[in-house]
C-alpha atoms as a PDB file:
ATOM      1  CA  MET A   1     -32.732 -60.097  -5.229  1.00  0.00           C
ATOM      2  CA  LYS A   2     -31.274 -58.612  -3.015  1.00  0.00           C
ATOM      3  CA  ASN A   3     -33.079 -59.768   0.142  1.00  0.00           C
ATOM      4  CA  ASP A   4     -32.231 -63.081  -0.621  1.00  0.00           C
ATOM      5  CA  GLN A   5     -28.462 -62.401  -1.249  1.00  0.00           C
ATOM      6  CA  LEU A   6     -28.275 -61.361   2.059  1.00  0.00           C
ATOM      7  CA  SER A   7     -30.298 -64.143   3.519  1.00  0.00           C
ATOM      8  CA  ARG A   8     -27.814 -66.403   2.164  1.00  0.00           C
ATOM      9  CA  ARG A   9     -24.848 -64.699   3.222  1.00  0.00           C
ATOM     10  CA  ARG A  10     -26.237 -64.440   6.972  1.00  0.00           C
ATOM     11  CA  PHE A  11     -26.700 -68.116   6.340  1.00  0.00           C
ATOM     12  CA  ILE A  12     -23.400 -68.466   5.552  1.00  0.00           C
ATOM     13  CA  GLY A  13     -21.686 -65.246   7.576  1.00  0.00           C
ATOM     14  CA  THR A  14     -22.724 -67.701  10.609  1.00  0.00           C
ATOM     15  CA  GLY A  15     -22.614 -70.997  10.536  1.00  0.00           C
ATOM     16  CA  ALA A  16     -19.453 -70.839  12.214  1.00  0.00           C
ATOM     17  CA  LEU A  17     -21.162 -69.632  15.603  1.00  0.00           C
ATOM     18  CA  ALA A  18     -23.941 -72.139  15.066  1.00  0.00           C
ATOM     19  CA  GLY A  19     -21.430 -75.267  15.580  1.00  0.00           C
ATOM     20  CA  ALA A  20     -19.483 -73.751  18.936  1.00  0.00           C
ATOM     21  CA  GLY A  21     -19.891 -75.762  21.292  1.00  0.00           C
ATOM     22  CA  ILE A  22     -22.136 -79.158  19.407  1.00  0.00           C
ATOM     23  CA  LEU A  23     -20.455 -82.577  21.028  1.00  0.00           C
ATOM     24  CA  PHE A  24     -19.515 -84.481  17.475  1.00  0.00           C
ATOM     25  CA  LEU A  25     -20.929 -88.366  18.199  1.00  0.00           C
ATOM     26  CA  SER A  26     -18.812 -90.922  16.258  1.00  0.00           C
ATOM     27  CA  LYS A  27     -19.854 -91.443  12.191  1.00  0.00           C
ATOM     28  CA  SER A  28     -20.942 -95.163  13.072  1.00  0.00           C
ATOM     29  CA  SER A  29     -22.624 -94.106  16.378  1.00  0.00           C
ATOM     30  CA  PHE A  30     -24.535 -91.098  14.437  1.00  0.00           C
ATOM     31  CA  ALA A  31     -25.449 -93.050  11.493  1.00  0.00           C
ATOM     32  CA  HIS A  32     -26.566 -96.003  13.715  1.00  0.00           C
ATOM     33  CA  SER A  33     -28.913 -92.979  16.153  1.00  0.00           C
ATOM     34  CA  VAL A  34     -29.897 -91.391  13.012  1.00  0.00           C
ATOM     35  CA  LEU A  35     -31.861 -94.439  11.088  1.00  0.00           C
ATOM     36  CA  GLY A  36     -32.325 -96.445  14.142  1.00  0.00           C
ATOM     37  CA  ALA A  37     -33.951 -99.529  12.673  1.00  0.00           C
ATOM     38  CA  ALA A  38     -35.823 -97.300   9.885  1.00  0.00           C
ATOM     39  CA  ASP A  39     -34.835 -97.941   6.179  1.00  0.00           C
ATOM     40  CA  LYS A  40     -33.029 -95.505   4.333  1.00  0.00           C
ATOM     41  CA  PRO A  41     -34.240 -92.526   2.490  1.00  0.00           C
ATOM     42  CA  ASP A  42     -35.153 -92.629  -1.054  1.00  0.00           C
ATOM     43  CA  SER A  43     -36.226 -89.015  -2.403  1.00  0.00           C
ATOM     44  CA  LYS A  44     -35.874 -90.396  -6.290  1.00  0.00           C
ATOM     45  CA  VAL A  45     -38.982 -90.461  -7.527  1.00  0.00           C
ATOM     46  CA  GLU A  46     -40.009 -92.296 -11.350  1.00  0.00           C
ATOM     47  CA  GLY A  47     -36.628 -91.377 -12.231  1.00  0.00           C
ATOM     48  CA  VAL A  48     -36.155 -87.875 -11.001  1.00  0.00           C
ATOM     49  CA  GLN A  49     -34.418 -87.673  -8.302  1.00  0.00           C
ATOM     50  CA  ILE A  50     -35.401 -84.716  -5.515  1.00  0.00           C
ATOM     51  CA  GLY A  51     -33.297 -83.515  -3.341  1.00  0.00           C
ATOM     52  CA  VAL A  52     -32.654 -80.438  -0.657  1.00  0.00           C
ATOM     53  CA  ILE A  53     -30.427 -77.773  -0.039  1.00  0.00           C
ATOM     54  CA  THR A  54     -29.283 -77.699   3.387  1.00  0.00           C
ATOM     55  CA  TYR A  55     -30.197 -73.558   3.090  1.00  0.00           C
ATOM     56  CA  SER A  56     -33.927 -74.586   3.568  1.00  0.00           C
ATOM     57  CA  PHE A  57     -32.940 -76.018   7.078  1.00  0.00           C
ATOM     58  CA  ARG A  58     -31.456 -71.994   8.460  1.00  0.00           C
ATOM     59  CA  SER A  59     -34.063 -71.521  10.626  1.00  0.00           C
ATOM     60  CA  MET A  60     -33.007 -74.595  12.636  1.00  0.00           C
ATOM     61  CA  PRO A  61     -29.642 -75.900  14.514  1.00  0.00           C
ATOM     62  CA  GLY A  62     -27.439 -76.144  11.417  1.00  0.00           C
ATOM     63  CA  SER A  63     -24.585 -78.492  12.127  1.00  0.00           C
ATOM     64  CA  VAL A  64     -23.614 -81.668   9.646  1.00  0.00           C
ATOM     65  CA  GLU A  65     -25.075 -83.782  12.000  1.00  0.00           C
ATOM     66  CA  ASP A  66     -28.395 -81.663  12.595  1.00  0.00           C
ATOM     67  CA  LEU A  67     -29.186 -81.057   9.007  1.00  0.00           C
ATOM     68  CA  LEU A  68     -28.023 -85.305   7.908  1.00  0.00           C
ATOM     69  CA  LYS A  69     -31.155 -85.458  10.548  1.00  0.00           C
ATOM     70  CA  TYR A  70     -33.192 -83.389   8.598  1.00  0.00           C
ATOM     71  CA  CYS A  71     -32.644 -84.621   5.800  1.00  0.00           C
ATOM     72  CA  VAL A  72     -33.454 -88.692   6.668  1.00  0.00           C
ATOM     73  CA  GLU A  73     -36.413 -87.237   8.622  1.00  0.00           C
ATOM     74  CA  CYS A  74     -38.101 -85.879   5.061  1.00  0.00           C
ATOM     75  CA  ASN A  75     -36.597 -88.986   3.696  1.00  0.00           C
ATOM     76  CA  ILE A  76     -34.741 -86.756   1.474  1.00  0.00           C
ATOM     77  CA  ASN A  77     -31.812 -89.202  -0.060  1.00  0.00           C
ATOM     78  CA  ALA A  78     -29.639 -86.584  -1.496  1.00  0.00           C
ATOM     79  CA  ILE A  79     -28.529 -82.549  -1.484  1.00  0.00           C
ATOM     80  CA  GLU A  80     -27.137 -79.473  -2.127  1.00  0.00           C
ATOM     81  CA  LEU A  81     -24.728 -78.643   1.185  1.00  0.00           C
ATOM     82  CA  MET A  82     -24.270 -75.792   2.546  1.00  0.00           C
ATOM     83  CA  GLY A  83     -20.452 -74.955   2.477  1.00  0.00           C
ATOM     84  CA  ASP A  84     -20.261 -73.354   6.582  1.00  0.00           C
ATOM     85  CA  ALA A  85     -21.318 -76.349   8.273  1.00  0.00           C
ATOM     86  CA  ALA A  86     -18.124 -78.640   6.241  1.00  0.00           C
ATOM     87  CA  GLU A  87     -16.035 -76.113   7.258  1.00  0.00           C
ATOM     88  CA  VAL A  88     -17.023 -75.916  10.981  1.00  0.00           C
ATOM     89  CA  TYR A  89     -16.897 -79.837  10.997  1.00  0.00           C
ATOM     90  CA  ALA A  90     -13.064 -79.763   8.905  1.00  0.00           C
ATOM     91  CA  GLY A  91     -12.077 -77.155  11.843  1.00  0.00           C
ATOM     92  CA  ILE A  92     -11.889 -73.525   9.916  1.00  0.00           C
ATOM     93  CA  PRO A  93     -10.347 -70.943  12.131  1.00  0.00           C
ATOM     94  CA  LYS A  94     -12.907 -69.076  14.043  1.00  0.00           C
ATOM     95  CA  ARG A  95     -13.137 -65.175  14.309  1.00  0.00           C
ATOM     96  CA  GLU A  96     -10.766 -64.839  16.826  1.00  0.00           C
ATOM     97  CA  GLN A  97     -12.493 -61.879  19.834  1.00  0.00           C
ATOM     98  CA  GLY A  98     -10.745 -58.752  18.452  1.00  0.00           C
ATOM     99  CA  GLN A  99      -9.002 -60.075  15.244  1.00  0.00           C
ATOM    100  CA  SER A 100     -10.074 -57.713  11.967  1.00  0.00           C
ATOM    101  CA  ASN A 101     -11.616 -58.984   9.062  1.00  0.00           C
ATOM    102  CA  ALA A 102      -8.977 -58.943   6.877  1.00  0.00           C
ATOM    103  CA  ASP A 103      -6.850 -61.035   9.467  1.00  0.00           C
ATOM    104  CA  HIS A 104      -9.494 -63.979   9.619  1.00  0.00           C
ATOM    105  CA  ASN A 105      -9.533 -63.601   5.918  1.00  0.00           C
ATOM    106  CA  LYS A 106      -6.358 -64.325   5.715  1.00  0.00           C
ATOM    107  CA  ALA A 107      -6.199 -67.219   8.014  1.00  0.00           C
ATOM    108  CA  VAL A 108      -9.054 -68.750   6.654  1.00  0.00           C
ATOM    109  CA  ALA A 109      -7.421 -68.566   3.156  1.00  0.00           C
ATOM    110  CA  ASP A 110      -3.921 -69.725   4.796  1.00  0.00           C
ATOM    111  CA  TRP A 111      -5.855 -72.887   6.728  1.00  0.00           C
ATOM    112  CA  ARG A 112      -8.047 -73.489   3.233  1.00  0.00           C
ATOM    113  CA  ALA A 113      -5.050 -73.686   1.045  1.00  0.00           C
ATOM    114  CA  SER A 114      -3.200 -76.262   3.753  1.00  0.00           C
ATOM    115  CA  VAL A 115      -6.494 -78.741   5.093  1.00  0.00           C
ATOM    116  CA  SER A 116      -6.533 -81.996   4.632  1.00  0.00           C
ATOM    117  CA  MET A 117      -9.816 -83.240   2.673  1.00  0.00           C
ATOM    118  CA  ASP A 118      -9.754 -85.986   4.762  1.00  0.00           C
ATOM    119  CA  LYS A 119     -12.514 -84.180   7.475  1.00  0.00           C
ATOM    120  CA  PHE A 120     -14.157 -83.665   3.979  1.00  0.00           C
ATOM    121  CA  LYS A 121     -14.179 -87.573   3.253  1.00  0.00           C
ATOM    122  CA  GLU A 122     -15.853 -88.604   6.328  1.00  0.00           C
ATOM    123  CA  LEU A 123     -18.400 -86.315   6.311  1.00  0.00           C
ATOM    124  CA  ARG A 124     -19.061 -87.509   3.203  1.00  0.00           C
ATOM    125  CA  LYS A 125     -18.803 -91.262   4.320  1.00  0.00           C
ATOM    126  CA  MET A 126     -21.149 -89.646   7.672  1.00  0.00           C
ATOM    127  CA  TYR A 127     -23.618 -89.342   5.351  1.00  0.00           C
ATOM    128  CA  LYS A 128     -23.184 -92.368   2.956  1.00  0.00           C
ATOM    129  CA  ASP A 129     -23.551 -93.893   5.134  1.00  0.00           C
ATOM    130  CA  ALA A 130     -27.263 -92.854   6.565  1.00  0.00           C
ATOM    131  CA  GLY A 131     -28.621 -93.353   2.878  1.00  0.00           C
ATOM    132  CA  VAL A 132     -27.434 -89.323   1.806  1.00  0.00           C
ATOM    133  CA  THR A 133     -25.304 -88.244  -1.464  1.00  0.00           C
ATOM    134  CA  ILE A 134     -23.963 -85.041  -1.702  1.00  0.00           C
ATOM    135  CA  TYR A 135     -24.389 -84.083  -4.723  1.00  0.00           C
ATOM    136  CA  ALA A 136     -23.541 -80.266  -4.863  1.00  0.00           C
ATOM    137  CA  TRP A 137     -22.034 -78.104  -2.657  1.00  0.00           C
ATOM    138  CA  LYS A 138     -22.057 -74.269  -2.047  1.00  0.00           C
ATOM    139  CA  PRO A 139     -18.899 -73.176  -0.636  1.00  0.00           C
ATOM    140  CA  SER A 140     -18.066 -69.459  -0.197  1.00  0.00           C
ATOM    141  CA  ALA A 141     -14.339 -70.001  -1.662  1.00  0.00           C
ATOM    142  CA  LEU A 142     -16.363 -69.200  -5.110  1.00  0.00           C
ATOM    143  CA  GLU A 143     -16.837 -65.281  -4.540  1.00  0.00           C
ATOM    144  CA  ALA A 144     -14.330 -62.872  -6.871  1.00  0.00           C
ATOM    145  CA  ARG A 145     -12.747 -61.818  -3.441  1.00  0.00           C
ATOM    146  CA  ASN A 146     -10.792 -65.334  -2.491  1.00  0.00           C
ATOM    147  CA  THR A 147      -7.847 -66.614  -4.044  1.00  0.00           C
ATOM    148  CA  ASP A 148      -6.534 -69.321  -6.740  1.00  0.00           C
ATOM    149  CA  GLU A 149      -6.023 -71.309  -3.267  1.00  0.00           C
ATOM    150  CA  GLU A 150      -9.195 -71.180  -2.838  1.00  0.00           C
ATOM    151  CA  ILE A 151     -10.995 -71.621  -5.548  1.00  0.00           C
ATOM    152  CA  GLY A 152      -8.535 -74.692  -5.449  1.00  0.00           C
ATOM    153  CA  TYR A 153      -9.652 -75.764  -2.125  1.00  0.00           C
ATOM    154  CA  ALA A 154     -13.521 -75.972  -2.826  1.00  0.00           C
ATOM    155  CA  PHE A 155     -13.394 -77.813  -5.488  1.00  0.00           C
ATOM    156  CA  ASN A 156     -11.095 -80.433  -4.318  1.00  0.00           C
ATOM    157  CA  ALA A 157     -12.917 -80.153  -1.136  1.00  0.00           C
ATOM    158  CA  GLY A 158     -16.061 -80.542  -3.405  1.00  0.00           C
ATOM    159  CA  LYS A 159     -14.588 -83.833  -4.838  1.00  0.00           C
ATOM    160  CA  ALA A 160     -13.622 -85.018  -0.890  1.00  0.00           C
ATOM    161  CA  LEU A 161     -17.616 -85.083  -0.306  1.00  0.00           C
ATOM    162  CA  GLY A 162     -18.723 -86.841  -3.999  1.00  0.00           C
ATOM    163  CA  ALA A 163     -20.246 -83.409  -5.077  1.00  0.00           C
ATOM    164  CA  THR A 164     -20.437 -83.455  -9.203  1.00  0.00           C
ATOM    165  CA  HIS A 165     -20.279 -79.047  -9.179  1.00  0.00           C
ATOM    166  CA  CYS A 166     -20.010 -76.773  -6.803  1.00  0.00           C
ATOM    167  CA  THR A 167     -22.619 -73.956  -6.505  1.00  0.00           C
ATOM    168  CA  VAL A 168     -22.167 -70.536  -6.816  1.00  0.00           C
ATOM    169  CA  GLU A 169     -23.685 -66.624  -7.377  1.00  0.00           C
ATOM    170  CA  LEU A 170     -23.835 -65.898 -11.087  1.00  0.00           C
ATOM    171  CA  GLY A 171     -21.356 -63.243 -11.280  1.00  0.00           C
ATOM    172  CA  ASN A 172     -19.351 -61.559 -13.948  1.00  0.00           C
ATOM    173  CA  GLU A 173     -17.603 -62.272 -16.850  1.00  0.00           C
ATOM    174  CA  ALA A 174     -13.979 -61.884 -15.633  1.00  0.00           C
ATOM    175  CA  GLN A 175     -15.215 -64.140 -12.240  1.00  0.00           C
ATOM    176  CA  THR A 176     -16.842 -66.578 -14.623  1.00  0.00           C
ATOM    177  CA  LYS A 177     -13.693 -66.627 -16.791  1.00  0.00           C
ATOM    178  CA  ARG A 178     -11.654 -67.111 -13.657  1.00  0.00           C
ATOM    179  CA  LEU A 179     -13.949 -70.265 -12.716  1.00  0.00           C
ATOM    180  CA  GLY A 180     -14.190 -71.691 -15.895  1.00  0.00           C
ATOM    181  CA  GLU A 181     -10.827 -72.219 -16.333  1.00  0.00           C
ATOM    182  CA  LEU A 182      -9.808 -73.270 -12.191  1.00  0.00           C
ATOM    183  CA  GLY A 183     -12.731 -75.973 -12.599  1.00  0.00           C
ATOM    184  CA  ALA A 184     -11.337 -77.405 -15.810  1.00  0.00           C
ATOM    185  CA  LYS A 185      -7.949 -77.489 -14.271  1.00  0.00           C
ATOM    186  CA  HIS A 186      -9.385 -79.396 -11.167  1.00  0.00           C
ATOM    187  CA  LYS A 187     -12.235 -81.307 -13.474  1.00  0.00           C
ATOM    188  CA  MET A 188     -15.339 -79.756 -11.333  1.00  0.00           C
ATOM    189  CA  LYS A 189     -18.103 -78.029 -12.778  1.00  0.00           C
ATOM    190  CA  VAL A 190     -19.532 -74.783 -11.308  1.00  0.00           C
ATOM    191  CA  GLY A 191     -23.351 -74.120 -11.534  1.00  0.00           C
ATOM    192  CA  TYR A 192     -24.163 -70.396 -11.940  1.00  0.00           C
ATOM    193  CA  HIS A 193     -27.499 -69.599  -9.319  1.00  0.00           C
ATOM    194  CA  ALA A 194     -29.179 -66.427 -10.231  1.00  0.00           C
ATOM    195  CA  HIS A 195     -31.928 -64.630  -9.262  1.00  0.00           C
ATOM    196  CA  THR A 196     -34.335 -62.438 -10.291  1.00  0.00           C
ATOM    197  CA  GLN A 197     -31.933 -60.936 -12.675  1.00  0.00           C
ATOM    198  CA  ALA A 198     -32.426 -63.846 -14.802  1.00  0.00           C
ATOM    199  CA  THR A 199     -33.294 -63.393 -19.004  1.00  0.00           C
ATOM    200  CA  PRO A 200     -33.275 -66.627 -21.435  1.00  0.00           C
ATOM    201  CA  THR A 201     -29.548 -65.470 -22.108  1.00  0.00           C
ATOM    202  CA  LEU A 202     -28.031 -64.441 -19.005  1.00  0.00           C
ATOM    203  CA  TRP A 203     -25.741 -67.570 -18.881  1.00  0.00           C
ATOM    204  CA  ASP A 204     -24.660 -67.701 -22.674  1.00  0.00           C
ATOM    205  CA  THR A 205     -21.195 -65.874 -21.547  1.00  0.00           C
ATOM    206  CA  ALA A 206     -20.919 -68.120 -19.040  1.00  0.00           C
ATOM    207  CA  LEU A 207     -21.538 -71.308 -21.086  1.00  0.00           C
ATOM    208  CA  SER A 208     -19.674 -69.814 -23.945  1.00  0.00           C
ATOM    209  CA  GLN A 209     -16.251 -69.601 -21.759  1.00  0.00           C
ATOM    210  CA  SER A 210     -15.704 -73.309 -20.426  1.00  0.00           C
ATOM    211  CA  GLU A 211     -17.362 -76.040 -20.869  1.00  0.00           C
ATOM    212  CA  TYR A 212     -16.990 -76.519 -16.785  1.00  0.00           C
ATOM    213  CA  ASN A 213     -19.328 -73.109 -16.376  1.00  0.00           C
ATOM    214  CA  CYS A 214     -23.017 -74.979 -15.981  1.00  0.00           C
ATOM    215  CA  ILE A 215     -26.434 -73.595 -14.581  1.00  0.00           C
ATOM    216  CA  ASN A 216     -27.911 -73.788 -11.554  1.00  0.00           C
ATOM    217  CA  LEU A 217     -31.046 -72.868 -12.702  1.00  0.00           C
ATOM    218  CA  ASP A 218     -33.941 -71.911  -9.274  1.00  0.00           C
ATOM    219  CA  ILE A 219     -37.153 -71.617 -11.422  1.00  0.00           C
ATOM    220  CA  GLY A 220     -38.919 -69.528  -9.391  1.00  0.00           C
ATOM    221  CA  HIS A 221     -36.974 -66.974  -9.530  1.00  0.00           C
ATOM    222  CA  TYR A 222     -36.745 -67.324 -13.206  1.00  0.00           C
ATOM    223  CA  THR A 223     -40.405 -67.427 -13.197  1.00  0.00           C
ATOM    224  CA  SER A 224     -40.552 -64.236 -10.888  1.00  0.00           C
ATOM    225  CA  GLY A 225     -37.882 -62.230 -12.552  1.00  0.00           C
ATOM    226  CA  THR A 226     -38.966 -62.657 -16.387  1.00  0.00           C
ATOM    227  CA  SER A 227     -43.115 -63.166 -15.334  1.00  0.00           C
ATOM    228  CA  SER A 228     -42.998 -66.106 -18.210  1.00  0.00           C
ATOM    229  CA  SER A 229     -42.592 -69.953 -17.685  1.00  0.00           C
ATOM    230  CA  PRO A 230     -39.041 -71.737 -17.268  1.00  0.00           C
ATOM    231  CA  ILE A 231     -39.935 -74.638 -19.761  1.00  0.00           C
ATOM    232  CA  PRO A 232     -38.240 -72.400 -22.906  1.00  0.00           C
ATOM    233  CA  PHE A 233     -35.062 -72.296 -21.373  1.00  0.00           C
ATOM    234  CA  ILE A 234     -35.221 -75.732 -19.582  1.00  0.00           C
ATOM    235  CA  GLU A 235     -35.773 -77.373 -23.041  1.00  0.00           C
ATOM    236  CA  LYS A 236     -33.059 -75.346 -24.479  1.00  0.00           C
ATOM    237  CA  ASN A 237     -30.067 -75.017 -21.925  1.00  0.00           C
ATOM    238  CA  HIS A 238     -30.813 -78.987 -20.319  1.00  0.00           C
ATOM    239  CA  GLU A 239     -27.200 -80.440 -20.918  1.00  0.00           C
ATOM    240  CA  ARG A 240     -26.334 -77.990 -18.941  1.00  0.00           C
ATOM    241  CA  ILE A 241     -27.705 -77.620 -16.185  1.00  0.00           C
ATOM    242  CA  VAL A 242     -26.391 -79.344 -13.650  1.00  0.00           C
ATOM    243  CA  SER A 243     -29.239 -79.231 -10.854  1.00  0.00           C
ATOM    244  CA  MET A 244     -31.937 -77.149 -10.701  1.00  0.00           C
ATOM    245  CA  HIS A 245     -33.776 -75.398  -7.120  1.00  0.00           C
ATOM    246  CA  LEU A 246     -37.627 -76.123  -7.183  1.00  0.00           C
ATOM    247  CA  LYS A 247     -39.827 -73.092  -5.412  1.00  0.00           C
ATOM    248  CA  ASP A 248     -42.684 -71.248  -6.376  1.00  0.00           C
ATOM    249  CA  ARG A 249     -42.688 -67.449  -6.448  1.00  0.00           C
ATOM    250  CA  LYS A 250     -45.792 -64.868  -8.313  1.00  0.00           C
ATOM    251  CA  TYR A 251     -44.754 -63.172 -11.414  1.00  0.00           C
ATOM    252  CA  HIS A 252     -43.637 -59.765 -11.578  1.00  0.00           C
ATOM    253  CA  ASP A 253     -40.572 -60.143  -9.087  1.00  0.00           C
ATOM    254  CA  GLY A 254     -43.817 -60.819  -6.057  1.00  0.00           C
ATOM    255  CA  PRO A 255     -42.901 -62.741  -3.180  1.00  0.00           C
ATOM    256  CA  ASN A 256     -42.615 -66.369  -2.541  1.00  0.00           C
ATOM    257  CA  THR A 257     -45.302 -68.785  -1.666  1.00  0.00           C
ATOM    258  CA  PRO A 258     -46.398 -71.851  -0.469  1.00  0.00           C
ATOM    259  CA  TRP A 259     -45.900 -74.815  -3.304  1.00  0.00           C
ATOM    260  CA  GLY A 260     -49.149 -74.309  -6.058  1.00  0.00           C
ATOM    261  CA  GLU A 261     -49.992 -70.758  -4.222  1.00  0.00           C
ATOM    262  CA  GLY A 262     -47.983 -69.143  -7.256  1.00  0.00           C
ATOM    263  CA  ASP A 263     -47.034 -68.802 -10.601  1.00  0.00           C
ATOM    264  CA  THR A 264     -44.239 -71.497 -10.508  1.00  0.00           C
ATOM    265  CA  PRO A 265     -45.002 -74.121 -12.976  1.00  0.00           C
ATOM    266  CA  ILE A 266     -43.498 -76.597 -10.277  1.00  0.00           C
ATOM    267  CA  LYS A 267     -45.733 -79.362 -11.435  1.00  0.00           C
ATOM    268  CA  GLU A 268     -45.075 -78.923 -15.405  1.00  0.00           C
ATOM    269  CA  VAL A 269     -41.237 -78.616 -14.793  1.00  0.00           C
ATOM    270  CA  LEU A 270     -41.521 -81.788 -12.771  1.00  0.00           C
ATOM    271  CA  GLN A 271     -43.145 -84.190 -15.695  1.00  0.00           C
ATOM    272  CA  LEU A 272     -40.991 -82.226 -18.131  1.00  0.00           C
ATOM    273  CA  VAL A 273     -37.808 -83.610 -16.460  1.00  0.00           C
ATOM    274  CA  LYS A 274     -39.477 -87.337 -15.801  1.00  0.00           C
ATOM    275  CA  LYS A 275     -40.641 -87.269 -19.801  1.00  0.00           C
ATOM    276  CA  ASN A 276     -37.272 -86.335 -20.968  1.00  0.00           C
ATOM    277  CA  LYS A 277     -35.230 -88.359 -18.477  1.00  0.00           C
ATOM    278  CA  TYR A 278     -33.394 -85.665 -17.780  1.00  0.00           C
ATOM    279  CA  LYS A 279     -30.366 -86.709 -15.220  1.00  0.00           C
ATOM    280  CA  PHE A 280     -29.988 -83.549 -13.564  1.00  0.00           C
ATOM    281  CA  PRO A 281     -31.001 -83.634  -9.724  1.00  0.00           C
ATOM    282  CA  VAL A 282     -33.854 -81.128  -8.692  1.00  0.00           C
ATOM    283  CA  THR A 283     -33.552 -79.673  -5.334  1.00  0.00           C
ATOM    284  CA  ILE A 284     -36.646 -78.074  -2.629  1.00  0.00           C
ATOM    285  CA  GLU A 285     -35.493 -75.214  -1.781  1.00  0.00           C
ATOM    286  CA  GLN A 286     -37.800 -74.321   1.235  1.00  0.00           C
ATOM    287  CA  GLU A 287     -38.077 -69.752   1.121  1.00  0.00           C
ATOM    288  CA  TYR A 288     -41.490 -69.121   1.798  1.00  0.00           C
ATOM    289  CA  ASN A 289     -42.650 -67.797   5.418  1.00  0.00           C
ATOM    290  CA  ILE A 290     -43.116 -70.483   7.374  1.00  0.00           C
ATOM    291  CA  PRO A 291     -46.562 -71.036   9.347  1.00  0.00           C
ATOM    292  CA  LYS A 292     -46.890 -70.615  12.686  1.00  0.00           C
ATOM    293  CA  GLY A 293     -46.261 -73.745  14.429  1.00  0.00           C
ATOM    294  CA  SER A 294     -44.704 -75.303  11.926  1.00  0.00           C
ATOM    295  CA  ASP A 295     -40.409 -75.887  11.372  1.00  0.00           C
ATOM    296  CA  ALA A 296     -38.116 -76.195   8.429  1.00  0.00           C
ATOM    297  CA  VAL A 297     -38.704 -79.485   8.654  1.00  0.00           C
ATOM    298  CA  ALA A 298     -42.464 -79.760   8.285  1.00  0.00           C
ATOM    299  CA  GLU A 299     -42.475 -77.379   5.078  1.00  0.00           C
ATOM    300  CA  VAL A 300     -40.620 -79.363   3.028  1.00  0.00           C
ATOM    301  CA  LYS A 301     -42.115 -82.734   3.903  1.00  0.00           C
ATOM    302  CA  LYS A 302     -44.467 -80.655   2.527  1.00  0.00           C
ATOM    303  CA  CYS A 303     -42.683 -80.151  -0.543  1.00  0.00           C
ATOM    304  CA  ARG A 304     -41.395 -83.312  -0.946  1.00  0.00           C
ATOM    305  CA  GLU A 305     -44.811 -84.603  -0.840  1.00  0.00           C
ATOM    306  CA  PHE A 306     -46.027 -82.074  -3.546  1.00  0.00           C
ATOM    307  CA  ALA A 307     -43.205 -83.362  -6.274  1.00  0.00           C
ATOM    308  CA  VAL A 308     -44.028 -86.639  -5.902  1.00  0.00           C
ATOM    309  CA  GLN A 309     -47.920 -86.302  -6.523  1.00  0.00           C
ATOM    310  CA  ALA A 310     -46.363 -83.830  -9.394  1.00  0.00           C
ATOM    311  CA  LEU A 311     -44.026 -86.857 -10.877  1.00  0.00           C
ATOM    312  CA  LYS A 312     -47.031 -89.509 -10.158  1.00  0.00           C
ATOM    313  CA  ALA A 313     -49.377 -87.406 -12.557  1.00  0.00           C
END
């Protein structure tokens, strides 16, 4: 959906500004300050790994330390990490005053082609020390405009973060072929994300191009775009699903809603994953309007509780 895509791009594009001026704690002191004496987070329920995409916290400060704190507060121990915060942490070049888009893009491409993976490994350890693993990474370096070197960087950084796959918006056949080939070269799977353009056959070409081309299914978008349940699609394609977004939406390209108020069969999907022991993580994506007086952390907690109750039913 165009509005969804624009909001994601704004989230990615403004991450560097959000990260400016942040004073970073040492890894050990930060992990200690986040956890204190509390137990580490745990969101694996009935054999199903519940995670969250850090896009869910887009309305709040978005440094890697902030995002980790939110995950621990929500008692979530696994995430899909949006790329901008990690790149700010690793030192991506900031846009200089008066610098053109082309010059800035070249500076970023040059940085990506040569940057050490040490900061990404450091970030992985910071999260691991706090009890949070990164199962997926969604960088902005996998788009058609990016060089092969940038795409290779994205895969290598994903591996350094501990991710099993990178996620990206589903592009045209040429782009999925290119990413599939480079994914095979770097041994990193690509989970393609779709919005309301999703159909039961939308991913078929990409899946046929490479064993490293996979599905990052969003059951809310699928339900809204097809006005039908995603369960038959999941049953047919579960072996190629690497992660799955959870949200609630209405049929007929309808809006996002608080969980349980839309047409998306979240409970039934979670029970299917539990029953069939599917191994892919399910990812909370908080995208409905946050009620007055609440915030993203509080709403993600509600989503987590909804998922837990669905799995225990």
